[in-house]
């Protein structure tokens, strides 16, 4: 007799959707706002000074942006059953 998880395709579909959403949430925005500035604009040499007001404001904006992106991805995946994956077509 199989476990309850084996017989529940909806559970595995949700797990796969969460994995895809997390993967694309890291790859697409991470590449554009992380790797590209670090590689091409010299942000690899930047040192964060937590005593600087400009650095604290910048870090605050980054944290707020990450929180907003995460909430959008969560809501999109939960209500629309979608993903940030540009190449996967969701058939009706």
Protein backbone atom coordinates (compact mmCIF):
# COMPACT_ATOMS: atom_id res chain seq x y z
CA UNK A 1 0.00 0.00 0.00
CA UNK A 2 1.48 3.35 -1.08
CA UNK A 3 1.71 6.42 1.03
CA UNK A 4 -0.72 9.25 0.80
CA UNK A 5 1.86 11.39 -1.03
CA UNK A 6 2.32 8.80 -3.78
CA UNK A 7 -1.35 8.84 -4.66
CA UNK A 8 -1.74 12.63 -4.56
CA UNK A 9 -0.65 14.13 -7.90
CA UNK A 10 -1.87 17.54 -6.76
CA UNK A 11 0.74 17.56 -3.99
CA UNK A 12 3.60 16.76 -6.37
CA UNK A 13 2.30 19.28 -8.88
CA UNK A 14 2.39 21.94 -6.15
CA UNK A 15 5.89 20.91 -5.08
CA UNK A 16 7.13 21.09 -8.68
CA UNK A 17 5.45 24.48 -9.15
CA UNK A 18 7.11 25.79 -5.98
CA UNK A 19 10.49 24.49 -7.14
CA UNK A 20 10.13 26.10 -10.58
CA UNK A 21 8.99 29.39 -9.06
CA UNK A 22 11.92 29.44 -6.66
CA UNK A 23 14.37 28.50 -9.40
CA UNK A 24 13.22 31.23 -11.77
CA UNK A 25 12.92 33.77 -8.95
CA UNK A 26 16.61 33.26 -8.25
CA UNK A 27 17.83 32.92 -11.84
CA UNK A 28 16.12 35.78 -13.68
CA UNK A 29 16.18 38.64 -11.14
CA UNK A 30 19.40 37.35 -9.61
CA UNK A 31 21.17 37.47 -12.95
CA UNK A 32 19.91 40.95 -13.87
CA UNK A 33 20.33 42.70 -10.51
CA UNK A 34 23.11 40.57 -9.09
CA UNK A 35 25.56 39.12 -11.59
CA UNK A 36 25.43 41.81 -14.30
CA UNK A 37 26.24 44.79 -12.01
CA UNK A 38 28.83 42.74 -10.11
CA UNK A 39 30.55 41.59 -13.28
CA UNK A 40 30.33 44.63 -15.55
CA UNK A 41 30.05 47.66 -13.22
CA UNK A 42 32.61 46.81 -10.56
CA UNK A 43 30.25 46.20 -7.65
CA UNK A 44 32.47 43.30 -6.58
CA UNK A 45 34.85 45.82 -5.04
CA UNK A 46 32.13 47.66 -3.10
CA UNK A 47 32.39 47.45 0.69
CA UNK A 48 29.22 48.03 2.70
CA UNK A 49 29.62 50.48 5.57
CA UNK A 50 26.76 50.00 8.04
CA UNK A 51 27.58 53.36 9.65
CA UNK A 52 26.81 55.22 6.41
CA UNK A 53 23.26 56.53 6.01
CA UNK A 54 23.42 56.05 2.23
CA UNK A 55 24.38 52.40 2.62
CA UNK A 56 21.64 51.78 5.19
CA UNK A 57 19.01 53.38 2.95
CA UNK A 58 20.27 51.30 0.01
CA UNK A 59 20.14 48.08 2.03
CA UNK A 60 16.65 48.95 3.24
CA UNK A 61 15.49 49.46 -0.37
CA UNK A 62 17.04 46.13 -1.39
CA UNK A 63 15.27 44.30 1.45
CA UNK A 64 11.92 45.94 0.61
CA UNK A 65 12.38 45.05 -3.08
CA UNK A 66 13.16 41.42 -2.26
CA UNK A 67 10.11 41.24 0.02
CA UNK A 68 7.84 42.70 -2.68
CA UNK A 69 9.23 40.34 -5.33
CA UNK A 70 8.74 37.36 -3.01
CA UNK A 71 5.15 38.34 -2.22
CA UNK A 72 4.36 38.81 -5.92
CA UNK A 73 5.85 35.44 -6.81
CA UNK A 74 3.97 33.77 -3.95
CA UNK A 75 0.64 35.33 -4.94
CA UNK A 76 1.18 34.59 -8.64
CA UNK A 77 2.00 30.96 -7.93
CA UNK A 78 -0.76 30.50 -5.34
CA UNK A 79 -3.68 32.15 -7.09
CA UNK A 80 -2.71 31.79 -10.74
CA UNK A 81 -0.82 28.50 -10.52
CA UNK A 82 1.84 30.21 -12.59
CA UNK A 83 5.59 30.47 -12.56
CA UNK A 84 8.21 32.97 -13.69
CA UNK A 85 9.45 30.39 -16.16
CA UNK A 86 9.13 32.11 -19.55
CA UNK A 87 9.41 28.91 -21.56
CA UNK A 88 6.69 26.83 -19.95
CA UNK A 89 3.29 27.22 -21.56
CA UNK A 90 0.40 26.50 -19.25
CA UNK A 91 -2.30 24.88 -21.35
CA UNK A 92 -5.94 25.28 -20.40
